[in-house]
Amino acid sequence: MTDDEFSKMSVFVHDARKPLNRISMQAELIKMALNGDIPTQKAVDALDKIIASAKVCSNTLAEMTSEMGSSNSSHSDD
């Protein structure tokens, strides 16, 4: 892996971690709502954010796969 490829991959990993962190935080809110510590509507809102964040993470990983695959195939032509 070249330095450029590693740098690109690091950006993708960073971009995928952001929504994963958000998912984790929202799951904690749902847990609190289930324990009765916060209103139920907060859990519903958290679920919407989890779904959106999962889609963002999935898109980031798909983009990374595509980008790294393109980069890999260009090396095989060398």
N, C-alpha and C. Protein backbone atom coordinates (compact mmCIF):
# COMPACT_ATOMS: atom_id res chain seq x y z
N MET A 1 0.85 -1.17 0.00
CA MET A 1 0.00 0.00 0.00
C MET A 1 0.90 1.24 0.00
N THR A 2 0.62 2.13 -0.91
CA THR A 2 1.41 3.36 -0.99
C THR A 2 0.98 4.33 0.11
N ASP A 3 1.79 5.35 0.33
CA ASP A 3 1.44 6.38 1.31
C ASP A 3 0.15 7.09 0.92
N ASP A 4 -0.03 7.31 -0.37
CA ASP A 4 -1.25 7.98 -0.85
C ASP A 4 -2.49 7.11 -0.59
N GLU A 5 -2.36 5.82 -0.85
CA GLU A 5 -3.48 4.90 -0.60
C GLU A 5 -3.80 4.82 0.89
N PHE A 6 -2.75 4.78 1.71
CA PHE A 6 -2.96 4.73 3.16
C PHE A 6 -3.65 6.01 3.63
N SER A 7 -3.24 7.13 3.09
CA SER A 7 -3.84 8.41 3.46
C SER A 7 -5.32 8.44 3.09
N LYS A 8 -5.64 7.97 1.88
CA LYS A 8 -7.04 7.92 1.45
C LYS A 8 -7.85 6.99 2.35
N MET A 9 -7.27 5.83 2.66
CA MET A 9 -7.98 4.88 3.51
C MET A 9 -8.21 5.47 4.90
N SER A 10 -7.24 6.20 5.43
CA SER A 10 -7.38 6.82 6.74
C SER A 10 -8.54 7.82 6.76
N VAL A 11 -8.71 8.55 5.68
CA VAL A 11 -9.82 9.49 5.59
C VAL A 11 -11.15 8.74 5.60
N PHE A 12 -11.23 7.65 4.84
CA PHE A 12 -12.45 6.86 4.81
C PHE A 12 -12.76 6.26 6.19
N VAL A 13 -11.74 5.76 6.86
CA VAL A 13 -11.95 5.17 8.19
C VAL A 13 -12.45 6.26 9.15
N HIS A 14 -11.86 7.42 9.09
CA HIS A 14 -12.30 8.54 9.94
C HIS A 14 -13.75 8.89 9.64
N ASP A 15 -14.08 8.95 8.35
CA ASP A 15 -15.45 9.30 7.95
C ASP A 15 -16.45 8.22 8.36
N ALA A 16 -16.03 6.97 8.42
CA ALA A 16 -16.92 5.89 8.85
C ALA A 16 -17.07 5.87 10.37
N ARG A 17 -16.04 6.27 11.08
CA ARG A 17 -16.11 6.25 12.54
C ARG A 17 -17.05 7.31 13.09
N LYS A 18 -17.18 8.44 12.42
CA LYS A 18 -18.08 9.50 12.91
C LYS A 18 -19.51 8.99 13.07
N PRO A 19 -20.11 8.39 12.04
CA PRO A 19 -21.47 7.89 12.23
C PRO A 19 -21.55 6.72 13.22
N LEU A 20 -20.50 5.92 13.30
CA LEU A 20 -20.50 4.83 14.28
C LEU A 20 -20.52 5.38 15.71
N ASN A 21 -19.78 6.45 15.94
CA ASN A 21 -19.80 7.09 17.26
C ASN A 21 -21.18 7.65 17.57
N ARG A 22 -21.81 8.24 16.56
CA ARG A 22 -23.16 8.79 16.75
C ARG A 22 -24.15 7.66 17.07
N ILE A 23 -24.00 6.54 16.39
CA ILE A 23 -24.87 5.38 16.65
C ILE A 23 -24.73 4.95 18.11
N SER A 24 -23.51 4.88 18.57
CA SER A 24 -23.25 4.47 19.94
C SER A 24 -23.91 5.43 20.94
N MET A 25 -23.75 6.72 20.71
CA MET A 25 -24.35 7.72 21.60
C MET A 25 -25.87 7.63 21.59
N GLN A 26 -26.46 7.44 20.42
CA GLN A 26 -27.91 7.36 20.32
C GLN A 26 -28.43 6.08 20.97
N ALA A 27 -27.68 5.00 20.88
CA ALA A 27 -28.07 3.76 21.55
C ALA A 27 -28.11 3.95 23.06
N GLU A 28 -27.18 4.73 23.58
CA GLU A 28 -27.19 5.04 25.01
C GLU A 28 -28.46 5.81 25.39
N LEU A 29 -28.89 6.73 24.53
CA LEU A 29 -30.14 7.47 24.79
C LEU A 29 -31.34 6.52 24.82
N ILE A 30 -31.36 5.58 23.90
CA ILE A 30 -32.46 4.60 23.86
C ILE A 30 -32.47 3.79 25.15
N LYS A 31 -31.30 3.40 25.58
CA LYS A 31 -31.19 2.65 26.84
C LYS A 31 -31.76 3.47 28.00
N MET A 32 -31.44 4.75 28.03
CA MET A 32 -31.96 5.63 29.08
C MET A 32 -33.48 5.74 29.00
N ALA A 33 -34.01 5.81 27.78
CA ALA A 33 -35.46 5.91 27.60
C ALA A 33 -36.14 4.63 28.06
N LEU A 34 -35.53 3.49 27.77
CA LEU A 34 -36.10 2.21 28.20
C LEU A 34 -36.09 2.08 29.73
N ASN A 35 -35.12 2.71 30.36
CA ASN A 35 -35.05 2.71 31.82
C ASN A 35 -35.98 3.75 32.44
N GLY A 36 -36.62 4.56 31.59
CA GLY A 36 -37.53 5.59 32.08
C GLY A 36 -36.84 6.87 32.51
N ASP A 37 -35.56 7.01 32.19
CA ASP A 37 -34.81 8.20 32.59
C ASP A 37 -35.10 9.41 31.72
N ILE A 38 -35.50 9.17 30.48
CA ILE A 38 -35.84 10.26 29.55
C ILE A 38 -37.11 9.87 28.80
N PRO A 39 -37.79 10.86 28.19
CA PRO A 39 -39.05 10.56 27.49
C PRO A 39 -38.87 9.57 26.33
N THR A 40 -39.90 8.78 26.07
CA THR A 40 -39.89 7.77 25.01
C THR A 40 -39.62 8.40 23.64
N GLN A 41 -40.13 9.59 23.41
CA GLN A 41 -39.93 10.24 22.11
C GLN A 41 -38.44 10.43 21.81
N LYS A 42 -37.64 10.61 22.85
CA LYS A 42 -36.19 10.74 22.65
C LYS A 42 -35.62 9.44 22.06
N ALA A 43 -36.18 8.30 22.45
CA ALA A 43 -35.74 7.00 21.90
C ALA A 43 -36.12 6.90 20.44
N VAL A 44 -37.32 7.35 20.09
CA VAL A 44 -37.76 7.32 18.69
C VAL A 44 -36.84 8.21 17.84
N ASP A 45 -36.55 9.40 18.35
CA ASP A 45 -35.64 10.32 17.64
C ASP A 45 -34.25 9.69 17.49
N ALA A 46 -33.79 9.02 18.55
CA ALA A 46 -32.48 8.39 18.51
C ALA A 46 -32.44 7.27 17.47
N LEU A 47 -33.53 6.51 17.35
CA LEU A 47 -33.59 5.45 16.34
C LEU A 47 -33.50 6.02 14.93
N ASP A 48 -34.17 7.14 14.70
CA ASP A 48 -34.07 7.79 13.38
C ASP A 48 -32.63 8.20 13.09
N LYS A 49 -31.93 8.71 14.10
CA LYS A 49 -30.54 9.13 13.92
C LYS A 49 -29.63 7.91 13.71
N ILE A 50 -29.93 6.81 14.38
CA ILE A 50 -29.15 5.59 14.19
C ILE A 50 -29.31 5.08 12.75
N ILE A 51 -30.54 5.08 12.25
CA ILE A 51 -30.78 4.62 10.88
C ILE A 51 -30.04 5.51 9.88
N ALA A 52 -30.12 6.82 10.06
CA ALA A 52 -29.43 7.75 9.16
C ALA A 52 -27.92 7.56 9.23
N SER A 53 -27.40 7.40 10.44
CA SER A 53 -25.95 7.23 10.60
C SER A 53 -25.47 5.91 10.02
N ALA A 54 -26.27 4.87 10.14
CA ALA A 54 -25.90 3.58 9.56
C ALA A 54 -25.81 3.69 8.03
N LYS A 55 -26.73 4.47 7.44
CA LYS A 55 -26.70 4.67 5.99
C LYS A 55 -25.45 5.45 5.59
N VAL A 56 -25.09 6.47 6.36
CA VAL A 56 -23.89 7.25 6.07
C VAL A 56 -22.66 6.36 6.14
N CYS A 57 -22.58 5.55 7.18
CA CYS A 57 -21.45 4.64 7.35
C CYS A 57 -21.38 3.64 6.19
N SER A 58 -22.51 3.09 5.82
CA SER A 58 -22.56 2.14 4.71
C SER A 58 -22.09 2.80 3.41
N ASN A 59 -22.56 4.01 3.16
CA ASN A 59 -22.14 4.73 1.95
C ASN A 59 -20.64 5.01 1.96
N THR A 60 -20.12 5.38 3.12
CA THR A 60 -18.68 5.65 3.24
C THR A 60 -17.87 4.39 2.95
N LEU A 61 -18.31 3.27 3.50
CA LEU A 61 -17.60 2.01 3.26
C LEU A 61 -17.70 1.58 1.80
N ALA A 62 -18.86 1.79 1.18
CA ALA A 62 -19.01 1.46 -0.24
C ALA A 62 -18.10 2.34 -1.10
N GLU A 63 -18.03 3.62 -0.75
CA GLU A 63 -17.16 4.55 -1.48
C GLU A 63 -15.70 4.13 -1.32
N MET A 64 -15.33 3.74 -0.10
CA MET A 64 -13.96 3.30 0.14
C MET A 64 -13.64 2.06 -0.69
N THR A 65 -14.55 1.10 -0.69
CA THR A 65 -14.35 -0.13 -1.46
C THR A 65 -14.18 0.19 -2.93
N SER A 66 -15.03 1.06 -3.44
CA SER A 66 -14.94 1.44 -4.85
C SER A 66 -13.62 2.15 -5.15
N GLU A 67 -13.28 3.11 -4.32
CA GLU A 67 -12.04 3.88 -4.51
C GLU A 67 -10.81 2.99 -4.40
N MET A 68 -10.77 2.15 -3.38
CA MET A 68 -9.60 1.29 -3.18
C MET A 68 -9.54 0.22 -4.26
N GLY A 69 -10.71 -0.24 -4.72
CA GLY A 69 -10.74 -1.21 -5.82
C GLY A 69 -10.23 -0.61 -7.10
N SER A 70 -10.61 0.63 -7.38
CA SER A 70 -10.13 1.33 -8.57
C SER A 70 -8.62 1.53 -8.49
N SER A 71 -8.16 1.89 -7.31
CA SER A 71 -6.73 2.10 -7.10
C SER A 71 -5.97 0.79 -7.28
N ASN A 72 -6.53 -0.27 -6.78
CA ASN A 72 -5.90 -1.60 -6.87
C ASN A 72 -5.81 -2.07 -8.31
N SER A 73 -6.89 -1.88 -9.08
CA SER A 73 -6.90 -2.35 -10.47
C SER A 73 -5.93 -1.53 -11.33
N SER A 74 -5.72 -0.27 -10.97
CA SER A 74 -4.77 0.53 -11.74
C SER A 74 -3.34 0.06 -11.49
N HIS A 75 -3.08 -0.50 -10.29
CA HIS A 75 -1.74 -1.04 -10.01
C HIS A 75 -1.51 -2.34 -10.74
N SER A 76 -2.57 -3.12 -10.96
CA SER A 76 -2.37 -4.42 -11.62
C SER A 76 -2.05 -4.24 -13.09
N ASP A 77 -2.32 -3.06 -13.64
CA ASP A 77 -2.01 -2.79 -15.03
C ASP A 77 -0.54 -2.43 -15.23
N ASP A 78 0.16 -2.10 -14.11
CA ASP A 78 1.56 -1.67 -14.20
C ASP A 78 2.48 -2.77 -14.66
